[in-house]
PDB file of N, CA and C in Angstrom:
ATOM      1  N   UNK A   1     105.154  77.681 179.869  1.00  0.00           N
ATOM      2  CA  UNK A   1     103.869  78.311 180.095  1.00  0.00           C
ATOM      3  C   UNK A   1     103.028  77.410 180.999  1.00  0.00           C
ATOM      4  N   UNK A   2     102.417  77.973 181.996  1.00  0.00           N
ATOM      5  CA  UNK A   2     101.599  77.210 182.930  1.00  0.00           C
ATOM      6  C   UNK A   2     100.180  77.130 182.383  1.00  0.00           C
ATOM      7  N   UNK A   3      99.641  75.906 182.237  1.00  0.00           N
ATOM      8  CA  UNK A   3      98.280  75.806 181.703  1.00  0.00           C
ATOM      9  C   UNK A   3      97.260  76.329 182.701  1.00  0.00           C
ATOM     10  N   UNK A   4      96.245  76.981 182.184  1.00  0.00           N
ATOM     11  CA  UNK A   4      95.152  77.451 183.020  1.00  0.00           C
ATOM     12  C   UNK A   4      94.261  76.270 183.371  1.00  0.00           C
ATOM     13  N   UNK A   5      93.657  76.311 184.541  1.00  0.00           N
ATOM     14  CA  UNK A   5      92.809  75.216 184.997  1.00  0.00           C
ATOM     15  C   UNK A   5      91.368  75.709 185.098  1.00  0.00           C
ATOM     16  N   UNK A   6      90.460  74.939 184.521  1.00  0.00           N
ATOM     17  CA  UNK A   6      89.042  75.210 184.678  1.00  0.00           C
ATOM     18  C   UNK A   6      88.669  74.741 186.074  1.00  0.00           C
ATOM     19  N   UNK A   7      88.357  75.678 186.970  1.00  0.00           N
ATOM     20  CA  UNK A   7      88.113  75.353 188.376  1.00  0.00           C
ATOM     21  C   UNK A   7      86.929  74.410 188.578  1.00  0.00           C
ATOM     22  N   UNK A   8      85.895  74.527 187.747  1.00  0.00           N
ATOM     23  CA  UNK A   8      84.719  73.666 187.912  1.00  0.00           C
ATOM     24  C   UNK A   8      85.015  72.219 187.548  1.00  0.00           C
ATOM     25  N   UNK A   9      85.725  72.009 186.480  1.00  0.00           N
ATOM     26  CA  UNK A   9      85.971  70.647 185.981  1.00  0.00           C
ATOM     27  C   UNK A   9      87.353  70.130 186.340  1.00  0.00           C
ATOM     28  N   UNK A  10      88.196  70.982 186.905  1.00  0.00           N
ATOM     29  CA  UNK A  10      89.562  70.617 187.284  1.00  0.00           C
ATOM     30  C   UNK A  10      90.348  70.011 186.117  1.00  0.00           C
ATOM     31  N   UNK A  11      90.220  70.632 184.963  1.00  0.00           N
ATOM     32  CA  UNK A  11      90.966  70.176 183.787  1.00  0.00           C
ATOM     33  C   UNK A  11      91.613  71.380 183.120  1.00  0.00           C
ATOM     34  N   UNK A  12      92.673  71.140 182.352  1.00  0.00           N
ATOM     35  CA  UNK A  12      93.328  72.264 181.678  1.00  0.00           C
ATOM     36  C   UNK A  12      92.373  72.953 180.704  1.00  0.00           C
ATOM     37  N   UNK A  13      92.454  74.261 180.664  1.00  0.00           N
ATOM     38  CA  UNK A  13      91.652  75.033 179.718  1.00  0.00           C
ATOM     39  C   UNK A  13      92.411  75.082 178.403  1.00  0.00           C
ATOM     40  N   UNK A  14      91.761  74.674 177.364  1.00  0.00           N
ATOM     41  CA  UNK A  14      92.405  74.719 176.043  1.00  0.00           C
ATOM     42  C   UNK A  14      92.349  76.131 175.510  1.00  0.00           C
ATOM     43  N   UNK A  15      93.472  76.537 174.970  1.00  0.00           N
ATOM     44  CA  UNK A  15      93.493  77.868 174.372  1.00  0.00           C
ATOM     45  C   UNK A  15      92.671  77.842 173.107  1.00  0.00           C
ATOM     46  N   UNK A  16      91.843  78.853 172.955  1.00  0.00           N
ATOM     47  CA  UNK A  16      91.000  78.943 171.765  1.00  0.00           C
ATOM     48  C   UNK A  16      91.881  79.335 170.580  1.00  0.00           C
ATOM     49  N   UNK A  17      91.807  78.530 169.529  1.00  0.00           N
ATOM     50  CA  UNK A  17      92.587  78.842 168.343  1.00  0.00           C
ATOM     51  C   UNK A  17      91.978  80.044 167.643  1.00  0.00           C
ATOM     52  N   UNK A  18      92.833  80.828 167.029  1.00  0.00           N
ATOM     53  CA  UNK A  18      92.357  81.988 166.300  1.00  0.00           C
ATOM     54  C   UNK A  18      91.545  81.514 165.108  1.00  0.00           C
ATOM     55  N   UNK A  19      90.340  82.015 165.019  1.00  0.00           N
ATOM     56  CA  UNK A  19      89.478  81.617 163.909  1.00  0.00           C
ATOM     57  C   UNK A  19      89.777  82.487 162.709  1.00  0.00           C
ATOM     58  N   UNK A  20      89.561  81.925 161.552  1.00  0.00           N
ATOM     59  CA  UNK A  20      89.745  82.667 160.312  1.00  0.00           C
ATOM     60  C   UNK A  20      88.513  82.445 159.492  1.00  0.00           C
ATOM     61  N   UNK A  21      87.961  83.414 158.857  1.00  0.00           N
ATOM     62  CA  UNK A  21      88.435  84.789 158.856  1.00  0.00           C
ATOM     63  C   UNK A  21      87.987  85.552 160.096  1.00  0.00           C
ATOM     64  N   UNK A  22      88.757  86.559 160.448  1.00  0.00           N
ATOM     65  CA  UNK A  22      88.385  87.430 161.551  1.00  0.00           C
ATOM     66  C   UNK A  22      87.397  88.438 160.984  1.00  0.00           C
ATOM     67  N   UNK A  23      86.142  88.213 161.216  1.00  0.00           N
ATOM     68  CA  UNK A  23      85.102  89.012 160.576  1.00  0.00           C
ATOM     69  C   UNK A  23      84.904  90.320 161.303  1.00  0.00           C
ATOM     70  N   UNK A  24      84.604  91.338 160.521  1.00  0.00           N
ATOM     71  CA  UNK A  24      84.247  92.598 161.138  1.00  0.00           C
ATOM     72  C   UNK A  24      82.870  93.007 160.647  1.00  0.00           C
ATOM     73  N   UNK A  25      82.287  93.997 161.294  1.00  0.00           N
ATOM     74  CA  UNK A  25      80.896  94.356 161.029  1.00  0.00           C
ATOM     75  C   UNK A  25      80.738  95.060 159.688  1.00  0.00           C
ATOM     76  N   UNK A  26      79.493  95.147 159.280  1.00  0.00           N
ATOM     77  CA  UNK A  26      79.164  95.845 158.042  1.00  0.00           C
ATOM     78  C   UNK A  26      79.583  97.312 158.137  1.00  0.00           C
ATOM     79  N   UNK A  27      79.373  97.920 159.302  1.00  0.00           N
ATOM     80  CA  UNK A  27      79.785  99.306 159.500  1.00  0.00           C
ATOM     81  C   UNK A  27      81.286  99.485 159.368  1.00  0.00           C
ATOM     82  N   UNK A  28      82.040  98.555 159.923  1.00  0.00           N
ATOM     83  CA  UNK A  28      83.504  98.610 159.809  1.00  0.00           C
ATOM     84  C   UNK A  28      83.937  98.414 158.362  1.00  0.00           C
ATOM     85  N   UNK A  29      83.208  97.570 157.633  1.00  0.00           N
ATOM     86  CA  UNK A  29      83.505  97.347 156.220  1.00  0.00           C
ATOM     87  C   UNK A  29      83.307  98.646 155.429  1.00  0.00           C
ATOM     88  N   UNK A  30      82.170  99.325 155.660  1.00  0.00           N
ATOM     89  CA  UNK A  30      81.918 100.613 155.004  1.00  0.00           C
ATOM     90  C   UNK A  30      82.993 101.627 155.386  1.00  0.00           C
ATOM     91  N   UNK A  31      83.358 101.651 156.658  1.00  0.00           N
ATOM     92  CA  UNK A  31      84.368 102.588 157.127  1.00  0.00           C
ATOM     93  C   UNK A  31      85.707 102.352 156.435  1.00  0.00           C
ATOM     94  N   UNK A  32      86.075 101.086 156.289  1.00  0.00           N
ATOM     95  CA  UNK A  32      87.334 100.754 155.615  1.00  0.00           C
ATOM     96  C   UNK A  32      87.313 101.241 154.165  1.00  0.00           C
ATOM     97  N   UNK A  33      86.195 101.025 153.495  1.00  0.00           N
ATOM     98  CA  UNK A  33      86.077 101.487 152.110  1.00  0.00           C
ATOM     99  C   UNK A  33      86.167 103.008 152.025  1.00  0.00           C
ATOM    100  N   UNK A  34      85.440 103.710 152.882  1.00  0.00           N
ATOM    101  CA  UNK A  34      85.468 105.174 152.815  1.00  0.00           C
ATOM    102  C   UNK A  34      86.818 105.742 153.231  1.00  0.00           C
ATOM    103  N   UNK A  35      87.522 105.072 154.142  1.00  0.00           N
ATOM    104  CA  UNK A  35      88.865 105.533 154.524  1.00  0.00           C
ATOM    105  C   UNK A  35      89.808 105.535 153.331  1.00  0.00           C
ATOM    106  N   UNK A  36      89.667 104.562 152.457  1.00  0.00           N
ATOM    107  CA  UNK A  36      90.567 104.447 151.307  1.00  0.00           C
ATOM    108  C   UNK A  36      90.028 105.118 150.046  1.00  0.00           C
ATOM    109  N   UNK A  37      88.702 105.164 149.895  1.00  0.00           N
ATOM    110  CA  UNK A  37      88.121 105.627 148.628  1.00  0.00           C
ATOM    111  C   UNK A  37      87.370 106.948 148.743  1.00  0.00           C
ATOM    112  N   UNK A  38      87.159 107.430 149.936  1.00  0.00           N
ATOM    113  CA  UNK A  38      86.392 108.656 150.118  1.00  0.00           C
ATOM    114  C   UNK A  38      84.907 108.353 150.249  1.00  0.00           C
ATOM    115  N   UNK A  39      84.118 109.386 150.188  1.00  0.00           N
ATOM    116  CA  UNK A  39      82.674 109.270 150.372  1.00  0.00           C
ATOM    117  C   UNK A  39      82.056 108.397 149.272  1.00  0.00           C
ATOM    118  N   UNK A  40      81.148 107.520 149.671  1.00  0.00           N
ATOM    119  CA  UNK A  40      80.473 106.647 148.710  1.00  0.00           C
ATOM    120  C   UNK A  40      79.095 107.208 148.390  1.00  0.00           C
ATOM    121  N   UNK A  41      78.766 107.211 147.109  1.00  0.00           N
ATOM    122  CA  UNK A  41      77.450 107.666 146.686  1.00  0.00           C
ATOM    123  C   UNK A  41      76.376 106.622 146.967  1.00  0.00           C
ATOM    124  N   UNK A  42      75.135 106.992 146.710  1.00  0.00           N
ATOM    125  CA  UNK A  42      74.008 106.097 146.985  1.00  0.00           C
ATOM    126  C   UNK A  42      74.126 104.789 146.205  1.00  0.00           C
ATOM    127  N   UNK A  43      74.438 104.868 144.926  1.00  0.00           N
ATOM    128  CA  UNK A  43      74.587 103.666 144.104  1.00  0.00           C
ATOM    129  C   UNK A  43      75.736 102.788 144.568  1.00  0.00           C
ATOM    130  N   UNK A  44      76.814 103.427 144.974  1.00  0.00           N
ATOM    131  CA  UNK A  44      77.967 102.678 145.479  1.00  0.00           C
ATOM    132  C   UNK A  44      77.626 101.969 146.784  1.00  0.00           C
ATOM    133  N   UNK A  45      76.926 102.662 147.669  1.00  0.00           N
ATOM    134  CA  UNK A  45      76.517 102.037 148.937  1.00  0.00           C
ATOM    135  C   UNK A  45      75.596 100.848 148.680  1.00  0.00           C
ATOM    136  N   UNK A  46      74.753 100.984 147.673  1.00  0.00           N
ATOM    137  CA  UNK A  46      73.858  99.879 147.309  1.00  0.00           C
ATOM    138  C   UNK A  46      74.667  98.663 146.862  1.00  0.00           C
ATOM    139  N   UNK A  47      75.690  98.898 146.028  1.00  0.00           N
ATOM    140  CA  UNK A  47      76.544  97.793 145.574  1.00  0.00           C
ATOM    141  C   UNK A  47      77.295  97.150 146.736  1.00  0.00           C
ATOM    142  N   UNK A  48      77.767  97.969 147.663  1.00  0.00           N
ATOM    143  CA  UNK A  48      78.462  97.438 148.837  1.00  0.00           C
ATOM    144  C   UNK A  48      77.505  96.557 149.639  1.00  0.00           C
ATOM    145  N   UNK A  49      76.271  97.004 149.807  1.00  0.00           N
ATOM    146  CA  UNK A  49      75.272  96.215 150.532  1.00  0.00           C
ATOM    147  C   UNK A  49      75.017  94.875 149.860  1.00  0.00           C
ATOM    148  N   UNK A  50      74.946  94.882 148.535  1.00  0.00           N
ATOM    149  CA  UNK A  50      74.712  93.633 147.793  1.00  0.00           C
ATOM    150  C   UNK A  50      75.870  92.670 147.988  1.00  0.00           C
ATOM    151  N   UNK A  51      77.087  93.157 147.836  1.00  0.00           N
ATOM    152  CA  UNK A  51      78.267  92.304 148.014  1.00  0.00           C
ATOM    153  C   UNK A  51      78.339  91.788 149.449  1.00  0.00           C
ATOM    154  N   UNK A  52      78.048  92.649 150.414  1.00  0.00           N
ATOM    155  CA  UNK A  52      78.070  92.219 151.819  1.00  0.00           C
ATOM    156  C   UNK A  52      77.059  91.101 152.045  1.00  0.00           C
ATOM    157  N   UNK A  53      75.855  91.263 151.500  1.00  0.00           N
ATOM    158  CA  UNK A  53      74.820  90.252 151.739  1.00  0.00           C
ATOM    159  C   UNK A  53      75.115  88.945 151.006  1.00  0.00           C
ATOM    160  N   UNK A  54      75.803  89.011 149.881  1.00  0.00           N
ATOM    161  CA  UNK A  54      76.109  87.805 149.112  1.00  0.00           C
ATOM    162  C   UNK A  54      77.383  87.110 149.581  1.00  0.00           C
ATOM    163  N   UNK A  55      78.396  87.883 149.970  1.00  0.00           N
ATOM    164  CA  UNK A  55      79.709  87.280 150.247  1.00  0.00           C
ATOM    165  C   UNK A  55      80.253  87.584 151.636  1.00  0.00           C
ATOM    166  N   UNK A  56      79.656  88.507 152.358  1.00  0.00           N
ATOM    167  CA  UNK A  56      80.184  88.903 153.661  1.00  0.00           C
ATOM    168  C   UNK A  56      79.768  87.951 154.751  1.00  0.00           C
ATOM    169  N   UNK A  57      80.209  88.172 155.952  1.00  0.00           N
ATOM    170  CA  UNK A  57      81.129  89.220 156.385  1.00  0.00           C
ATOM    171  C   UNK A  57      82.558  88.915 155.969  1.00  0.00           C
ATOM    172  N   UNK A  58      83.369  89.939 155.972  1.00  0.00           N
ATOM    173  CA  UNK A  58      84.739  89.820 155.502  1.00  0.00           C
ATOM    174  C   UNK A  58      85.735  89.975 156.640  1.00  0.00           C
ATOM    175  N   UNK A  59      86.943  89.521 156.400  1.00  0.00           N
ATOM    176  CA  UNK A  59      88.050  89.666 157.338  1.00  0.00           C
ATOM    177  C   UNK A  59      88.637  91.066 157.172  1.00  0.00           C
ATOM    178  N   UNK A  60      88.852  91.752 158.283  1.00  0.00           N
ATOM    179  CA  UNK A  60      89.369  93.113 158.235  1.00  0.00           C
ATOM    180  C   UNK A  60      90.739  93.220 157.590  1.00  0.00           C
ATOM    181  N   UNK A  61      91.643  92.344 157.975  1.00  0.00           N
ATOM    182  CA  UNK A  61      93.014  92.393 157.453  1.00  0.00           C
ATOM    183  C   UNK A  61      93.043  92.121 155.947  1.00  0.00           C
ATOM    184  N   UNK A  62      92.333  91.090 155.511  1.00  0.00           N
ATOM    185  CA  UNK A  62      92.310  90.781 154.079  1.00  0.00           C
ATOM    186  C   UNK A  62      91.654  91.900 153.285  1.00  0.00           C
ATOM    187  N   UNK A  63      90.614  92.488 153.861  1.00  0.00           N
ATOM    188  CA  UNK A  63      89.922  93.591 153.181  1.00  0.00           C
ATOM    189  C   UNK A  63      90.868  94.770 153.004  1.00  0.00           C
ATOM    190  N   UNK A  64      91.565  95.141 154.072  1.00  0.00           N
ATOM    191  CA  UNK A  64      92.527  96.251 153.987  1.00  0.00           C
ATOM    192  C   UNK A  64      93.605  95.974 152.940  1.00  0.00           C
ATOM    193  N   UNK A  65      94.151  94.765 152.981  1.00  0.00           N
ATOM    194  CA  UNK A  65      95.205  94.405 152.021  1.00  0.00           C
ATOM    195  C   UNK A  65      94.698  94.495 150.585  1.00  0.00           C
ATOM    196  N   UNK A  66      93.497  93.993 150.344  1.00  0.00           N
ATOM    197  CA  UNK A  66      92.946  94.015 148.984  1.00  0.00           C
ATOM    198  C   UNK A  66      92.700  95.446 148.512  1.00  0.00           C
ATOM    199  N   UNK A  67      92.136  96.273 149.381  1.00  0.00           N
ATOM    200  CA  UNK A  67      91.872  97.670 148.997  1.00  0.00           C
ATOM    201  C   UNK A  67      93.186  98.402 148.762  1.00  0.00           C
ATOM    202  N   UNK A  68      94.127  98.258 149.675  1.00  0.00           N
ATOM    203  CA  UNK A  68      95.411  98.952 149.531  1.00  0.00           C
ATOM    204  C   UNK A  68      96.127  98.546 148.253  1.00  0.00           C
ATOM    205  N   UNK A  69      96.106  97.251 147.943  1.00  0.00           N
ATOM    206  CA  UNK A  69      96.745  96.772 146.722  1.00  0.00           C
ATOM    207  C   UNK A  69      96.044  97.348 145.483  1.00  0.00           C
ATOM    208  N   UNK A  70      94.724  97.384 145.520  1.00  0.00           N
ATOM    209  CA  UNK A  70      93.956  97.919 144.389  1.00  0.00           C
ATOM    210  C   UNK A  70      94.203  99.407 144.202  1.00  0.00           C
ATOM    211  N   UNK A  71      94.226 100.145 145.302  1.00  0.00           N
ATOM    212  CA  UNK A  71      94.473 101.591 145.231  1.00  0.00           C
ATOM    213  C   UNK A  71      95.887 101.854 144.737  1.00  0.00           C
ATOM    214  N   UNK A  72      96.836 101.070 145.203  1.00  0.00           N
ATOM    215  CA  UNK A  72      98.226 101.233 144.757  1.00  0.00           C
ATOM    216  C   UNK A  72      98.341 100.949 143.260  1.00  0.00           C
ATOM    217  N   UNK A  73      97.605  99.956 142.789  1.00  0.00           N
ATOM    218  CA  UNK A  73      97.690  99.552 141.386  1.00  0.00           C
ATOM    219  C   UNK A  73      96.938 100.502 140.452  1.00  0.00           C
ATOM    220  N   UNK A  74      95.715 100.918 140.843  1.00  0.00           N
ATOM    221  CA  UNK A  74      94.871 101.713 139.936  1.00  0.00           C
ATOM    222  C   UNK A  74      94.410 103.040 140.512  1.00  0.00           C
ATOM    223  N   UNK A  75      94.793 103.365 141.732  1.00  0.00           N
ATOM    224  CA  UNK A  75      94.329 104.610 142.337  1.00  0.00           C
ATOM    225  C   UNK A  75      92.966 104.431 142.987  1.00  0.00           C
ATOM    226  N   UNK A  76      92.425 105.532 143.491  1.00  0.00           N
ATOM    227  CA  UNK A  76      91.162 105.452 144.229  1.00  0.00           C
ATOM    228  C   UNK A  76      89.969 105.960 143.436  1.00  0.00           C
ATOM    229  N   UNK A  77      90.126 106.123 142.132  1.00  0.00           N
ATOM    230  CA  UNK A  77      89.035 106.686 141.335  1.00  0.00           C
ATOM    231  C   UNK A  77      88.317 105.649 140.456  1.00  0.00           C
ATOM    232  N   UNK A  78      88.598 104.379 140.661  1.00  0.00           N
ATOM    233  CA  UNK A  78      87.918 103.341 139.890  1.00  0.00           C
ATOM    234  C   UNK A  78      86.487 103.163 140.399  1.00  0.00           C
ATOM    235  N   UNK A  79      85.671 102.497 139.587  1.00  0.00           N
ATOM    236  CA  UNK A  79      84.307 102.188 140.006  1.00  0.00           C
ATOM    237  C   UNK A  79      84.360 101.286 141.235  1.00  0.00           C
ATOM    238  N   UNK A  80      83.406 101.423 142.141  1.00  0.00           N
ATOM    239  CA  UNK A  80      83.388 100.645 143.389  1.00  0.00           C
ATOM    240  C   UNK A  80      83.431  99.143 143.126  1.00  0.00           C
ATOM    241  N   UNK A  81      82.884  98.707 142.005  1.00  0.00           N
ATOM    242  CA  UNK A  81      82.882  97.275 141.672  1.00  0.00           C
ATOM    243  C   UNK A  81      84.293  96.714 141.578  1.00  0.00           C
ATOM    244  N   UNK A  82      85.229  97.518 141.113  1.00  0.00           N
ATOM    245  CA  UNK A  82      86.624  97.087 141.000  1.00  0.00           C
ATOM    246  C   UNK A  82      87.176  96.720 142.380  1.00  0.00           C
ATOM    247  N   UNK A  83      86.939  97.560 143.371  1.00  0.00           N
ATOM    248  CA  UNK A  83      87.463  97.326 144.714  1.00  0.00           C
ATOM    249  C   UNK A  83      86.725  96.173 145.402  1.00  0.00           C
ATOM    250  N   UNK A  84      85.418  96.112 145.207  1.00  0.00           N
ATOM    251  CA  UNK A  84      84.637  95.033 145.815  1.00  0.00           C
ATOM    252  C   UNK A  84      85.035  93.682 145.240  1.00  0.00           C
ATOM    253  N   UNK A  85      85.269  93.631 143.951  1.00  0.00           N
ATOM    254  CA  UNK A  85      85.701  92.374 143.326  1.00  0.00           C
ATOM    255  C   UNK A  85      87.077  91.976 143.825  1.00  0.00           C
ATOM    256  N   UNK A  86      87.934  92.951 144.027  1.00  0.00           N
ATOM    257  CA  UNK A  86      89.266  92.677 144.567  1.00  0.00           C
ATOM    258  C   UNK A  86      89.166  92.080 145.971  1.00  0.00           C
ATOM    259  N   UNK A  87      88.285  92.621 146.782  1.00  0.00           N
ATOM    260  CA  UNK A  87      88.082  92.110 148.148  1.00  0.00           C
ATOM    261  C   UNK A  87      87.531  90.690 148.098  1.00  0.00           C
ATOM    262  N   UNK A  88      86.512  90.487 147.292  1.00  0.00           N
ATOM    263  CA  UNK A  88      85.894  89.167 147.177  1.00  0.00           C
ATOM    264  C   UNK A  88      86.908  88.138 146.680  1.00  0.00           C
ATOM    265  N   UNK A  89      87.686  88.517 145.673  1.00  0.00           N
ATOM    266  CA  UNK A  89      88.689  87.616 145.108  1.00  0.00           C
ATOM    267  C   UNK A  89      89.759  87.247 146.127  1.00  0.00           C
ATOM    268  N   UNK A  90      90.190  88.220 146.909  1.00  0.00           N
ATOM    269  CA  UNK A  90      91.201  87.964 147.943  1.00  0.00           C
ATOM    270  C   UNK A  90      90.685  86.960 148.972  1.00  0.00           C
ATOM    271  N   UNK A  91      89.437  87.107 149.378  1.00  0.00           N
ATOM    272  CA  UNK A  91      88.854  86.175 150.334  1.00  0.00           C
ATOM    273  C   UNK A  91      88.689  84.786 149.725  1.00  0.00           C
ATOM    274  N   UNK A  92      88.279  84.710 148.472  1.00  0.00           N
ATOM    275  CA  UNK A  92      88.134  83.418 147.799  1.00  0.00           C
ATOM    276  C   UNK A  92      89.489  82.737 147.661  1.00  0.00           C
ATOM    277  N   UNK A  93      90.499  83.511 147.291  1.00  0.00           N
ATOM    278  CA  UNK A  93      91.842  82.945 147.135  1.00  0.00           C
ATOM    279  C   UNK A  93      92.329  82.384 148.463  1.00  0.00           C
ATOM    280  N   UNK A  94      92.184  83.152 149.513  1.00  0.00           N
ATOM    281  CA  UNK A  94      92.640  82.705 150.820  1.00  0.00           C
ATOM    282  C   UNK A  94      91.830  81.506 151.302  1.00  0.00           C
ATOM    283  N   UNK A  95      90.539  81.514 151.024  1.00  0.00           N
ATOM    284  CA  UNK A  95      89.689  80.389 151.430  1.00  0.00           C
ATOM    285  C   UNK A  95      90.105  79.118 150.703  1.00  0.00           C
ATOM    286  N   UNK A  96      90.426  79.226 149.426  1.00  0.00           N
ATOM    287  CA  UNK A  96      90.818  78.027 148.681  1.00  0.00           C
ATOM    288  C   UNK A  96      92.170  77.513 149.165  1.00  0.00           C
ATOM    289  N   UNK A  97      93.060  78.412 149.549  1.00  0.00           N
ATOM    290  CA  UNK A  97      94.362  77.995 150.065  1.00  0.00           C
ATOM    291  C   UNK A  97      94.217  77.271 151.395  1.00  0.00           C
ATOM    292  N   UNK A  98      93.318  77.750 152.223  1.00  0.00           N
ATOM    293  CA  UNK A  98      93.177  77.184 153.559  1.00  0.00           C
ATOM    294  C   UNK A  98      92.053  76.154 153.639  1.00  0.00           C
ATOM    295  N   UNK A  99      91.325  75.984 152.553  1.00  0.00           N
ATOM    296  CA  UNK A  99      90.189  75.059 152.498  1.00  0.00           C
ATOM    297  C   UNK A  99      89.252  75.282 153.682  1.00  0.00           C
ATOM    298  N   UNK A 100      88.863  76.550 153.832  1.00  0.00           N
ATOM    299  CA  UNK A 100      88.003  76.905 154.950  1.00  0.00           C
ATOM    300  C   UNK A 100      86.552  76.515 154.724  1.00  0.00           C
ATOM    301  N   UNK A 101      86.175  76.476 153.486  1.00  0.00           N
ATOM    302  CA  UNK A 101      84.778  76.250 153.166  1.00  0.00           C
ATOM    303  C   UNK A 101      84.615  74.946 152.405  1.00  0.00           C
ATOM    304  N   UNK A 102      84.725  73.802 153.068  1.00  0.00           N
ATOM    305  CA  UNK A 102      84.694  72.529 152.361  1.00  0.00           C
ATOM    306  C   UNK A 102      83.402  72.267 151.620  1.00  0.00           C
ATOM    307  N   UNK A 103      82.279  72.832 152.067  1.00  0.00           N
ATOM    308  CA  UNK A 103      81.014  72.623 151.368  1.00  0.00           C
ATOM    309  C   UNK A 103      81.057  73.236 149.978  1.00  0.00           C
ATOM    310  N   UNK A 104      81.788  74.324 149.842  1.00  0.00           N
ATOM    311  CA  UNK A 104      81.871  75.011 148.562  1.00  0.00           C
ATOM    312  C   UNK A 104      83.217  74.774 147.888  1.00  0.00           C
ATOM    313  N   UNK A 105      83.913  73.748 148.325  1.00  0.00           N
ATOM    314  CA  UNK A 105      85.268  73.508 147.839  1.00  0.00           C
ATOM    315  C   UNK A 105      85.313  73.397 146.317  1.00  0.00           C
ATOM    316  N   UNK A 106      84.374  72.683 145.711  1.00  0.00           N
ATOM    317  CA  UNK A 106      84.376  72.540 144.248  1.00  0.00           C
ATOM    318  C   UNK A 106      84.222  73.885 143.561  1.00  0.00           C
ATOM    319  N   UNK A 107      83.339  74.724 144.087  1.00  0.00           N
ATOM    320  CA  UNK A 107      83.160  76.053 143.501  1.00  0.00           C
ATOM    321  C   UNK A 107      84.428  76.877 143.656  1.00  0.00           C
ATOM    322  N   UNK A 108      85.029  76.808 144.824  1.00  0.00           N
ATOM    323  CA  UNK A 108      86.260  77.560 145.080  1.00  0.00           C
ATOM    324  C   UNK A 108      87.355  77.106 144.127  1.00  0.00           C
ATOM    325  N   UNK A 109      87.467  75.795 143.930  1.00  0.00           N
ATOM    326  CA  UNK A 109      88.504  75.273 143.052  1.00  0.00           C
ATOM    327  C   UNK A 109      88.254  75.680 141.596  1.00  0.00           C
ATOM    328  N   UNK A 110      86.986  75.720 141.185  1.00  0.00           N
ATOM    329  CA  UNK A 110      86.665  76.167 139.824  1.00  0.00           C
ATOM    330  C   UNK A 110      87.069  77.621 139.638  1.00  0.00           C
ATOM    331  N   UNK A 111      86.732  78.455 140.621  1.00  0.00           N
ATOM    332  CA  UNK A 111      87.099  79.871 140.560  1.00  0.00           C
ATOM    333  C   UNK A 111      88.613  80.007 140.529  1.00  0.00           C
ATOM    334  N   UNK A 112      89.290  79.256 141.382  1.00  0.00           N
ATOM    335  CA  UNK A 112      90.749  79.294 141.434  1.00  0.00           C
ATOM    336  C   UNK A 112      91.348  78.914 140.075  1.00  0.00           C
ATOM    337  N   UNK A 113      90.800  77.865 139.438  1.00  0.00           N
ATOM    338  CA  UNK A 113      91.292  77.422 138.136  1.00  0.00           C
ATOM    339  C   UNK A 113      91.079  78.504 137.079  1.00  0.00           C
ATOM    340  N   UNK A 114      89.918  79.124 137.091  1.00  0.00           N
ATOM    341  CA  UNK A 114      89.626  80.195 136.126  1.00  0.00           C
ATOM    342  C   UNK A 114      90.581  81.359 136.325  1.00  0.00           C
ATOM    343  N   UNK A 115      90.807  81.757 137.591  1.00  0.00           N
ATOM    344  CA  UNK A 115      91.731  82.861 137.863  1.00  0.00           C
ATOM    345  C   UNK A 115      93.151  82.527 137.426  1.00  0.00           C
ATOM    346  N   UNK A 116      93.570  81.293 137.664  1.00  0.00           N
ATOM    347  CA  UNK A 116      94.908  80.875 137.233  1.00  0.00           C
ATOM    348  C   UNK A 116      95.034  80.911 135.711  1.00  0.00           C
ATOM    349  N   UNK A 117      93.976  80.467 135.011  1.00  0.00           N
ATOM    350  CA  UNK A 117      93.995  80.499 133.546  1.00  0.00           C
ATOM    351  C   UNK A 117      94.060  81.930 133.029  1.00  0.00           C
ATOM    352  N   UNK A 118      93.314  82.836 133.666  1.00  0.00           N
ATOM    353  CA  UNK A 118      93.350  84.239 133.256  1.00  0.00           C
ATOM    354  C   UNK A 118      94.731  84.850 133.483  1.00  0.00           C
ATOM    355  N   UNK A 119      95.334  84.555 134.612  1.00  0.00           N
ATOM    356  CA  UNK A 119      96.685  85.056 134.893  1.00  0.00           C
ATOM    357  C   UNK A 119      97.662  84.564 133.835  1.00  0.00           C
ATOM    358  N   UNK A 120      97.534  83.287 133.478  1.00  0.00           N
ATOM    359  CA  UNK A 120      98.413  82.701 132.484  1.00  0.00           C
ATOM    360  C   UNK A 120      98.248  83.367 131.132  1.00  0.00           C
ATOM    361  N   UNK A 121      96.999  83.602 130.722  1.00  0.00           N
ATOM    362  CA  UNK A 121      96.733  84.261 129.447  1.00  0.00           C
ATOM    363  C   UNK A 121      97.273  85.686 129.427  1.00  0.00           C
ATOM    364  N   UNK A 122      97.099  86.376 130.566  1.00  0.00           N
ATOM    365  CA  UNK A 122      97.556  87.766 130.631  1.00  0.00           C
ATOM    366  C   UNK A 122      99.093  87.843 130.599  1.00  0.00           C
ATOM    367  N   UNK A 123      99.764  86.865 131.155  1.00  0.00           N
ATOM    368  CA  UNK A 123     101.218  86.905 131.168  1.00  0.00           C
ATOM    369  C   UNK A 123     101.800  86.572 129.802  1.00  0.00           C
ATOM    370  N   UNK A 124     101.021  85.945 128.937  1.00  0.00           N
ATOM    371  CA  UNK A 124     101.501  85.613 127.590  1.00  0.00           C
ATOM    372  C   UNK A 124     101.524  86.809 126.670  1.00  0.00           C
ATOM    373  N   UNK A 125     100.807  87.855 127.021  1.00  0.00           N
ATOM    374  CA  UNK A 125     100.724  89.052 126.156  1.00  0.00           C
ATOM    375  C   UNK A 125     102.001  89.798 126.111  1.00  0.00           C
TER     376      UNK A 125
END
């Protein structure tokens, strides 16, 4: 591969690394939810807005994967909180794996530990 040259500085142009998460807009987030769950009521839209303002923006691919997995597991008739929590959890899990948010690393690790403990308890049943 031939490196590109920055003509002004006469130096190789570094390829921009793909950033993670690949964030999408609030409108795209709503669209993704409605594509999988159907029309959202006023209360549901309010909950989506709250989650977006507290935890967003979200990665499109992770959001799709979380919704699809949730719909496959429980169908599309669950309360919106179920799907939003699934999305939030997927992003937290991925963030802790990649250590994307070092400022909140302790919080992420605590959440990860709690989720692991819950999985362990559920598998013992």
